[in-house]
Amino acid sequence: MTSYLDVGHGGWLGWDNNLDLVWPIFSEVLQNAGGNDTIRGFVTNTANYQPLGSMNNTADPCNLKSQYNFAIDEVHFIDLLDKKFSAHGMSGMHYITDTSRNGVTNERRDCANWCNIQGAGLGRRPTTDVSDLGLSNLDALVWVKTPGESDGTSDTSAKRHDQHCNSQDSHIPSPEAGQWAEDFFVMLAQNANPPLTPGPSPTPPGPSPACPGGSLVACIGLCPSTPAAAFQACVTVCT
């Protein structure tokens, strides 16, 4: 089985002093688990919203360079992280990165906000075709976080409430972490980058709604008024 260890994201660990502090921790974890060969590498941006970018990218939507963080996107973060790891004997690592919610790059007023971000969109589809990004040790883009799954509840009376889920950038209302958030999923699909495109329109089994016109966007227009289970069935058909 191929394993990748979660290593955060550039908006958190991209500063050089943070990288200096974190590599011994991951090295210790791997040694305690049996050595560097225990895993193939690391996964970044899990369930987060940092932009994907590329080695040729200069866009810095979170203004990280002004804070001396040169991990302006996840590709640059992986490059910086790998150089730090390699310098300390953790060479030959491979990487994957989560693009399930980073299709929009300038939606947050404060990039420290992370809970159910309003205006977010689906990012690049899961793929191993990543040669255009400029990293030879990047294995794939993946969707680790299930689109439509809540980061946490905006209900301030809930036992598991986190104040970050009521930030100025949060989608409100939102259910408990891990629960299906229908409106949030619709938003992610509508803001997808690259956009969702029409596909075949098979007839769904049972009473689930058909996919109108073979388009997920059209499906979204039909389904929000239906029960959640039927909505998810419709989405499955339309994708």
C-alpha atoms as a PDB file:
ATOM      1  CA  MET A   1       0.000   0.000   0.000  1.00  0.00           C
ATOM      2  CA  THR A   2       1.271   3.463  -0.915  1.00  0.00           C
ATOM      3  CA  SER A   3       1.093   5.973   1.934  1.00  0.00           C
ATOM      4  CA  TYR A   4       1.523   9.738   2.116  1.00  0.00           C
ATOM      5  CA  LEU A   5       1.865  11.620   5.399  1.00  0.00           C
ATOM      6  CA  ASP A   6      -0.098  14.862   5.885  1.00  0.00           C
ATOM      7  CA  VAL A   7       2.332  17.782   6.049  1.00  0.00           C
ATOM      8  CA  GLY A   8       0.041  20.810   6.267  1.00  0.00           C
ATOM      9  CA  HIS A   9       0.127  23.621   3.709  1.00  0.00           C
ATOM     10  CA  GLY A  10       2.232  26.587   2.686  1.00  0.00           C
ATOM     11  CA  GLY A  11       0.059  29.165   4.398  1.00  0.00           C
ATOM     12  CA  TRP A  12       0.909  27.502   7.694  1.00  0.00           C
ATOM     13  CA  LEU A  13       4.414  26.071   7.357  1.00  0.00           C
ATOM     14  CA  GLY A  14       5.894  27.919   4.378  1.00  0.00           C
ATOM     15  CA  TRP A  15       8.107  30.251   6.401  1.00  0.00           C
ATOM     16  CA  ASP A  16      11.731  29.123   6.496  1.00  0.00           C
ATOM     17  CA  ASN A  17      11.865  29.119  10.295  1.00  0.00           C
ATOM     18  CA  ASN A  18       8.709  26.961  10.381  1.00  0.00           C
ATOM     19  CA  LEU A  19      10.295  24.523   7.940  1.00  0.00           C
ATOM     20  CA  ASP A  20      13.370  24.394  10.174  1.00  0.00           C
ATOM     21  CA  LEU A  21      11.157  23.528  13.117  1.00  0.00           C
ATOM     22  CA  VAL A  22       8.936  20.980  11.403  1.00  0.00           C
ATOM     23  CA  TRP A  23      11.387  18.720   9.567  1.00  0.00           C
ATOM     24  CA  PRO A  24      12.778  17.136  12.773  1.00  0.00           C
ATOM     25  CA  ILE A  25       9.228  16.307  13.866  1.00  0.00           C
ATOM     26  CA  PHE A  26       8.418  14.458  10.645  1.00  0.00           C
ATOM     27  CA  SER A  27      11.814  12.789  10.687  1.00  0.00           C
ATOM     28  CA  GLU A  28      11.168  11.527  14.209  1.00  0.00           C
ATOM     29  CA  VAL A  29       7.710  10.249  13.244  1.00  0.00           C
ATOM     30  CA  LEU A  30       9.155   8.306  10.317  1.00  0.00           C
ATOM     31  CA  GLN A  31      12.014   6.853  12.337  1.00  0.00           C
ATOM     32  CA  ASN A  32       9.612   5.694  15.034  1.00  0.00           C
ATOM     33  CA  ALA A  33       7.429   4.125  12.328  1.00  0.00           C
ATOM     34  CA  GLY A  34      10.286   2.199  10.774  1.00  0.00           C
ATOM     35  CA  GLY A  35      12.244   4.663   8.621  1.00  0.00           C
ATOM     36  CA  ASN A  36      11.799   6.995   5.663  1.00  0.00           C
ATOM     37  CA  ASP A  37      10.831   4.095   3.396  1.00  0.00           C
ATOM     38  CA  THR A  38       7.672   3.578   5.449  1.00  0.00           C
ATOM     39  CA  ILE A  39       5.916   6.126   3.221  1.00  0.00           C
ATOM     40  CA  ARG A  40       6.207   7.216  -0.395  1.00  0.00           C
ATOM     41  CA  GLY A  41       6.012  10.865   0.582  1.00  0.00           C
ATOM     42  CA  PHE A  42       3.733  13.642   1.768  1.00  0.00           C
ATOM     43  CA  VAL A  43       0.320  15.147   1.027  1.00  0.00           C
ATOM     44  CA  THR A  44      -0.223  18.901   1.273  1.00  0.00           C
ATOM     45  CA  ASN A  45      -3.247  21.209   1.544  1.00  0.00           C
ATOM     46  CA  THR A  46      -5.486  18.480   2.959  1.00  0.00           C
ATOM     47  CA  ALA A  47      -9.004  19.934   3.358  1.00  0.00           C
ATOM     48  CA  ASN A  48      -7.635  23.441   2.836  1.00  0.00           C
ATOM     49  CA  TYR A  49      -7.943  26.284   0.346  1.00  0.00           C
ATOM     50  CA  GLN A  50      -4.368  27.283  -0.556  1.00  0.00           C
ATOM     51  CA  PRO A  51      -3.928  27.853  -4.332  1.00  0.00           C
ATOM     52  CA  LEU A  52      -2.302  25.138  -6.437  1.00  0.00           C
ATOM     53  CA  GLY A  53      -0.082  27.392  -8.591  1.00  0.00           C
ATOM     54  CA  SER A  54       2.944  26.105 -10.503  1.00  0.00           C
ATOM     55  CA  MET A  55       6.679  26.671 -10.544  1.00  0.00           C
ATOM     56  CA  ASN A  56       6.083  29.405 -13.138  1.00  0.00           C
ATOM     57  CA  ASN A  57       3.361  31.085 -11.090  1.00  0.00           C
ATOM     58  CA  THR A  58       3.991  34.502  -9.551  1.00  0.00           C
ATOM     59  CA  ALA A  59       0.481  35.196  -8.224  1.00  0.00           C
ATOM     60  CA  ASP A  60       0.387  35.659  -4.465  1.00  0.00           C
ATOM     61  CA  PRO A  61      -3.286  36.016  -3.458  1.00  0.00           C
ATOM     62  CA  CYS A  62      -2.537  35.800   0.269  1.00  0.00           C
ATOM     63  CA  ASN A  63       0.344  38.311   0.055  1.00  0.00           C
ATOM     64  CA  LEU A  64       2.665  35.788   1.664  1.00  0.00           C
ATOM     65  CA  LYS A  65       5.830  37.226   0.153  1.00  0.00           C
ATOM     66  CA  SER A  66       5.249  40.454   2.035  1.00  0.00           C
ATOM     67  CA  GLN A  67       5.493  38.305   5.179  1.00  0.00           C
ATOM     68  CA  TYR A  68       8.676  36.551   3.952  1.00  0.00           C
ATOM     69  CA  ASN A  69       6.808  33.361   3.155  1.00  0.00           C
ATOM     70  CA  PHE A  70       7.759  32.292  -0.367  1.00  0.00           C
ATOM     71  CA  ALA A  71       5.344  29.350  -0.450  1.00  0.00           C
ATOM     72  CA  ILE A  72       2.888  31.487  -2.429  1.00  0.00           C
ATOM     73  CA  ASP A  73       1.082  28.339  -3.608  1.00  0.00           C
ATOM     74  CA  GLU A  74       1.218  24.613  -2.890  1.00  0.00           C
ATOM     75  CA  VAL A  75       3.616  23.830  -5.730  1.00  0.00           C
ATOM     76  CA  HIS A  76       6.120  26.324  -4.336  1.00  0.00           C
ATOM     77  CA  PHE A  77       5.494  24.947  -0.841  1.00  0.00           C
ATOM     78  CA  ILE A  78       6.264  21.407  -1.990  1.00  0.00           C
ATOM     79  CA  ASP A  79       9.464  22.620  -3.656  1.00  0.00           C
ATOM     80  CA  LEU A  80      10.632  24.469  -0.523  1.00  0.00           C
ATOM     81  CA  LEU A  81       9.627  21.606   1.752  1.00  0.00           C
ATOM     82  CA  ASP A  82      11.401  18.993  -0.348  1.00  0.00           C
ATOM     83  CA  LYS A  83      14.612  21.028  -0.455  1.00  0.00           C
ATOM     84  CA  LYS A  84      14.536  21.335   3.340  1.00  0.00           C
ATOM     85  CA  PHE A  85      13.838  17.637   3.820  1.00  0.00           C
ATOM     86  CA  SER A  86      16.548  16.634   1.333  1.00  0.00           C
ATOM     87  CA  ALA A  87      19.120  18.826   3.054  1.00  0.00           C
ATOM     88  CA  HIS A  88      18.510  16.843   6.237  1.00  0.00           C
ATOM     89  CA  GLY A  89      18.618  13.336   4.794  1.00  0.00           C
ATOM     90  CA  MET A  90      14.964  12.884   3.842  1.00  0.00           C
ATOM     91  CA  SER A  91      15.553  12.740   0.103  1.00  0.00           C
ATOM     92  CA  GLY A  92      13.641  10.997  -2.662  1.00  0.00           C
ATOM     93  CA  MET A  93      10.217  11.869  -1.295  1.00  0.00           C
ATOM     94  CA  HIS A  94       7.160  12.186  -3.538  1.00  0.00           C
ATOM     95  CA  TYR A  95       4.105  14.398  -3.096  1.00  0.00           C
ATOM     96  CA  ILE A  96       0.401  14.711  -3.755  1.00  0.00           C
ATOM     97  CA  THR A  97      -1.756  17.776  -3.066  1.00  0.00           C
ATOM     98  CA  ASP A  98      -5.446  18.337  -2.366  1.00  0.00           C
ATOM     99  CA  THR A  99      -7.271  20.434  -4.992  1.00  0.00           C
ATOM    100  CA  SER A 100     -10.831  19.701  -3.878  1.00  0.00           C
ATOM    101  CA  ARG A 101     -11.577  23.293  -2.845  1.00  0.00           C
ATOM    102  CA  ASN A 102      -8.913  25.617  -4.260  1.00  0.00           C
ATOM    103  CA  GLY A 103     -10.367  26.473  -7.657  1.00  0.00           C
ATOM    104  CA  VAL A 104     -10.911  30.080  -6.511  1.00  0.00           C
ATOM    105  CA  THR A 105      -7.795  31.787  -5.184  1.00  0.00           C
ATOM    106  CA  ASN A 106      -8.912  35.224  -3.987  1.00  0.00           C
ATOM    107  CA  GLU A 107     -12.135  34.442  -2.126  1.00  0.00           C
ATOM    108  CA  ARG A 108     -10.851  35.001   1.425  1.00  0.00           C
ATOM    109  CA  ARG A 109     -10.453  38.385   3.058  1.00  0.00           C
ATOM    110  CA  ASP A 110      -8.174  36.737   5.613  1.00  0.00           C
ATOM    111  CA  CYS A 111      -6.207  33.703   4.446  1.00  0.00           C
ATOM    112  CA  ALA A 112      -5.930  32.499   8.042  1.00  0.00           C
ATOM    113  CA  ASN A 113      -9.619  31.562   7.837  1.00  0.00           C
ATOM    114  CA  TRP A 114     -10.189  27.900   7.008  1.00  0.00           C
ATOM    115  CA  CYS A 115     -13.764  26.905   7.927  1.00  0.00           C
ATOM    116  CA  ASN A 116     -16.364  26.472   5.142  1.00  0.00           C
ATOM    117  CA  ILE A 117     -15.002  29.306   3.041  1.00  0.00           C
ATOM    118  CA  GLN A 118     -17.674  31.294   1.201  1.00  0.00           C
ATOM    119  CA  GLY A 119     -16.956  31.674  -2.519  1.00  0.00           C
ATOM    120  CA  ALA A 120     -14.660  28.631  -2.753  1.00  0.00           C
ATOM    121  CA  GLY A 121     -14.819  26.345  -5.781  1.00  0.00           C
ATOM    122  CA  LEU A 122     -13.744  22.895  -6.884  1.00  0.00           C
ATOM    123  CA  GLY A 123     -10.170  22.886  -8.158  1.00  0.00           C
ATOM    124  CA  ARG A 124      -8.414  20.772 -10.756  1.00  0.00           C
ATOM    125  CA  ARG A 125      -9.745  17.242 -11.045  1.00  0.00           C
ATOM    126  CA  PRO A 126      -7.797  14.363  -9.503  1.00  0.00           C
ATOM    127  CA  THR A 127      -5.130  13.331 -11.992  1.00  0.00           C
ATOM    128  CA  THR A 128      -1.588  12.063 -12.396  1.00  0.00           C
ATOM    129  CA  ASP A 129      -1.110  14.347 -15.409  1.00  0.00           C
ATOM    130  CA  VAL A 130       0.807  17.072 -13.574  1.00  0.00           C
ATOM    131  CA  SER A 131       3.818  17.690 -15.815  1.00  0.00           C
ATOM    132  CA  ASP A 132       2.689  21.274 -16.485  1.00  0.00           C
ATOM    133  CA  LEU A 133       3.224  22.202 -12.829  1.00  0.00           C
ATOM    134  CA  GLY A 134       6.998  21.861 -12.997  1.00  0.00           C
ATOM    135  CA  LEU A 135       7.668  19.379 -10.181  1.00  0.00           C
ATOM    136  CA  SER A 136       9.120  16.003 -11.140  1.00  0.00           C
ATOM    137  CA  ASN A 137       8.309  14.499  -7.725  1.00  0.00           C
ATOM    138  CA  LEU A 138       4.642  15.537  -7.693  1.00  0.00           C
ATOM    139  CA  ASP A 139       2.718  12.293  -8.218  1.00  0.00           C
ATOM    140  CA  ALA A 140      -0.857  13.511  -8.473  1.00  0.00           C
ATOM    141  CA  LEU A 141      -3.593  15.971  -7.670  1.00  0.00           C
ATOM    142  CA  VAL A 142      -6.184  14.431  -5.361  1.00  0.00           C
ATOM    143  CA  TRP A 143      -9.476  15.291  -3.671  1.00  0.00           C
ATOM    144  CA  VAL A 144      -8.801  14.306  -0.071  1.00  0.00           C
ATOM    145  CA  LYS A 145     -11.637  16.390   1.366  1.00  0.00           C
ATOM    146  CA  THR A 146     -15.011  15.263   0.070  1.00  0.00           C
ATOM    147  CA  PRO A 147     -16.649  18.266  -1.641  1.00  0.00           C
ATOM    148  CA  GLY A 148     -19.754  19.188   0.314  1.00  0.00           C
ATOM    149  CA  GLU A 149     -18.462  17.902   3.636  1.00  0.00           C
ATOM    150  CA  SER A 150     -18.605  20.578   6.341  1.00  0.00           C
ATOM    151  CA  ASP A 151     -15.490  21.765   8.182  1.00  0.00           C
ATOM    152  CA  GLY A 152     -17.498  22.555  11.298  1.00  0.00           C
ATOM    153  CA  THR A 153     -20.736  24.009  12.555  1.00  0.00           C
ATOM    154  CA  SER A 154     -21.629  27.685  12.667  1.00  0.00           C
ATOM    155  CA  ASP A 155     -24.097  26.974  15.496  1.00  0.00           C
ATOM    156  CA  THR A 156     -22.576  28.860  18.429  1.00  0.00           C
ATOM    157  CA  SER A 157     -24.547  26.749  20.904  1.00  0.00           C
ATOM    158  CA  ALA A 158     -23.145  23.462  19.595  1.00  0.00           C
ATOM    159  CA  LYS A 159     -20.717  21.572  21.825  1.00  0.00           C
ATOM    160  CA  ARG A 160     -18.152  21.273  19.008  1.00  0.00           C
ATOM    161  CA  HIS A 161     -18.488  24.849  17.772  1.00  0.00           C
ATOM    162  CA  ASP A 162     -15.284  26.552  16.619  1.00  0.00           C
ATOM    163  CA  GLN A 163     -15.246  30.341  16.329  1.00  0.00           C
ATOM    164  CA  HIS A 164     -13.466  30.065  12.977  1.00  0.00           C
ATOM    165  CA  CYS A 165     -16.694  28.672  11.517  1.00  0.00           C
ATOM    166  CA  ASN A 166     -18.277  32.080  12.068  1.00  0.00           C
ATOM    167  CA  SER A 167     -15.445  34.070  10.497  1.00  0.00           C
ATOM    168  CA  GLN A 168     -16.054  36.850   7.997  1.00  0.00           C
ATOM    169  CA  ASP A 169     -15.168  34.349   5.255  1.00  0.00           C
ATOM    170  CA  SER A 170     -17.333  31.434   6.413  1.00  0.00           C
ATOM    171  CA  HIS A 171     -20.401  30.024   4.690  1.00  0.00           C
ATOM    172  CA  ILE A 172     -23.230  30.323   7.233  1.00  0.00           C
ATOM    173  CA  PRO A 173     -25.171  28.316   8.255  1.00  0.00           C
ATOM    174  CA  SER A 174     -23.101  25.138   8.208  1.00  0.00           C
ATOM    175  CA  PRO A 175     -23.646  21.794   9.972  1.00  0.00           C
ATOM    176  CA  GLU A 176     -21.285  19.813  12.195  1.00  0.00           C
ATOM    177  CA  ALA A 177     -17.879  18.795  10.851  1.00  0.00           C
ATOM    178  CA  GLY A 178     -18.139  15.842   8.505  1.00  0.00           C
ATOM    179  CA  GLN A 179     -21.830  16.296   7.780  1.00  0.00           C
ATOM    180  CA  TRP A 180     -23.208  16.937   4.295  1.00  0.00           C
ATOM    181  CA  ALA A 181     -23.638  20.660   3.516  1.00  0.00           C
ATOM    182  CA  GLU A 182     -25.834  20.811   0.435  1.00  0.00           C
ATOM    183  CA  ASP A 183     -25.617  24.572  -0.205  1.00  0.00           C
ATOM    184  CA  PHE A 184     -21.865  24.485   0.244  1.00  0.00           C
ATOM    185  CA  PHE A 185     -21.529  21.709  -2.340  1.00  0.00           C
ATOM    186  CA  VAL A 186     -23.677  23.605  -4.829  1.00  0.00           C
ATOM    187  CA  MET A 187     -21.435  26.654  -4.383  1.00  0.00           C
ATOM    188  CA  LEU A 188     -18.270  24.581  -4.916  1.00  0.00           C
ATOM    189  CA  ALA A 189     -19.706  23.126  -8.116  1.00  0.00           C
ATOM    190  CA  GLN A 190     -20.891  26.476  -9.460  1.00  0.00           C
ATOM    191  CA  ASN A 191     -17.478  28.053  -8.770  1.00  0.00           C
ATOM    192  CA  ALA A 192     -15.477  25.118 -10.134  1.00  0.00           C
ATOM    193  CA  ASN A 193     -12.231  25.992 -11.914  1.00  0.00           C
ATOM    194  CA  PRO A 194     -11.892  24.466 -14.432  1.00  0.00           C
ATOM    195  CA  PRO A 195     -15.674  24.652 -14.919  1.00  0.00           C
ATOM    196  CA  LEU A 196     -17.801  21.547 -14.837  1.00  0.00           C
ATOM    197  CA  THR A 197     -18.733  20.431 -18.333  1.00  0.00           C
ATOM    198  CA  PRO A 198     -21.760  18.466 -19.595  1.00  0.00           C
ATOM    199  CA  GLY A 199     -21.440  14.707 -19.656  1.00  0.00           C
ATOM    200  CA  PRO A 200     -23.641  11.761 -20.653  1.00  0.00           C
ATOM    201  CA  SER A 201     -27.100  11.598 -19.149  1.00  0.00           C
ATOM    202  CA  PRO A 202     -27.864   8.012 -18.071  1.00  0.00           C
ATOM    203  CA  THR A 203     -31.200   7.178 -16.543  1.00  0.00           C
ATOM    204  CA  PRO A 204     -30.762   6.794 -12.780  1.00  0.00           C
ATOM    205  CA  PRO A 205     -32.181   3.708 -11.051  1.00  0.00           C
ATOM    206  CA  GLY A 206     -35.323   4.085  -8.959  1.00  0.00           C
ATOM    207  CA  PRO A 207     -37.011   7.400  -8.190  1.00  0.00           C
ATOM    208  CA  SER A 208     -33.836   9.541  -8.173  1.00  0.00           C
ATOM    209  CA  PRO A 209     -34.114  12.588 -10.476  1.00  0.00           C
ATOM    210  CA  ALA A 210     -32.680  12.356 -13.958  1.00  0.00           C
ATOM    211  CA  CYS A 211     -29.792  14.576 -14.971  1.00  0.00           C
ATOM    212  CA  PRO A 212     -31.403  17.324 -17.108  1.00  0.00           C
ATOM    213  CA  GLY A 213     -29.452  17.958 -20.260  1.00  0.00           C
ATOM    214  CA  GLY A 214     -26.504  15.912 -19.045  1.00  0.00           C
ATOM    215  CA  SER A 215     -25.216  18.864 -17.054  1.00  0.00           C
ATOM    216  CA  LEU A 216     -24.255  18.986 -13.391  1.00  0.00           C
ATOM    217  CA  VAL A 217     -25.000  22.709 -13.370  1.00  0.00           C
ATOM    218  CA  ALA A 218     -28.510  21.985 -14.662  1.00  0.00           C
ATOM    219  CA  CYS A 219     -28.801  19.240 -12.093  1.00  0.00           C
ATOM    220  CA  ILE A 220     -27.929  21.729  -9.365  1.00  0.00           C
ATOM    221  CA  GLY A 221     -30.770  23.933 -10.541  1.00  0.00           C
ATOM    222  CA  LEU A 222     -33.178  21.036 -10.105  1.00  0.00           C
ATOM    223  CA  CYS A 223     -31.950  19.353  -6.968  1.00  0.00           C
ATOM    224  CA  PRO A 224     -31.548  21.800  -4.078  1.00  0.00           C
ATOM    225  CA  SER A 225     -35.267  21.565  -3.303  1.00  0.00           C
ATOM    226  CA  THR A 226     -35.144  17.783  -3.094  1.00  0.00           C
ATOM    227  CA  PRO A 227     -34.176  15.735  -0.022  1.00  0.00           C
ATOM    228  CA  ALA A 228     -30.428  15.427   0.507  1.00  0.00           C
ATOM    229  CA  ALA A 229     -30.334  11.738  -0.470  1.00  0.00           C
ATOM    230  CA  ALA A 230     -32.060  12.423  -3.781  1.00  0.00           C
ATOM    231  CA  PHE A 231     -29.815  15.410  -4.400  1.00  0.00           C
ATOM    232  CA  GLN A 232     -26.695  13.301  -3.946  1.00  0.00           C
ATOM    233  CA  ALA A 233     -28.139  10.651  -6.256  1.00  0.00           C
ATOM    234  CA  CYS A 234     -28.763  13.331  -8.867  1.00  0.00           C
ATOM    235  CA  VAL A 235     -25.203  14.608  -8.515  1.00  0.00           C
ATOM    236  CA  THR A 236     -23.881  11.077  -8.924  1.00  0.00           C
ATOM    237  CA  VAL A 237     -25.828  10.687 -12.134  1.00  0.00           C
ATOM    238  CA  CYS A 238     -24.706  14.051 -13.457  1.00  0.00           C
ATOM    239  CA  THR A 239     -21.052  13.356 -12.880  1.00  0.00           C
END
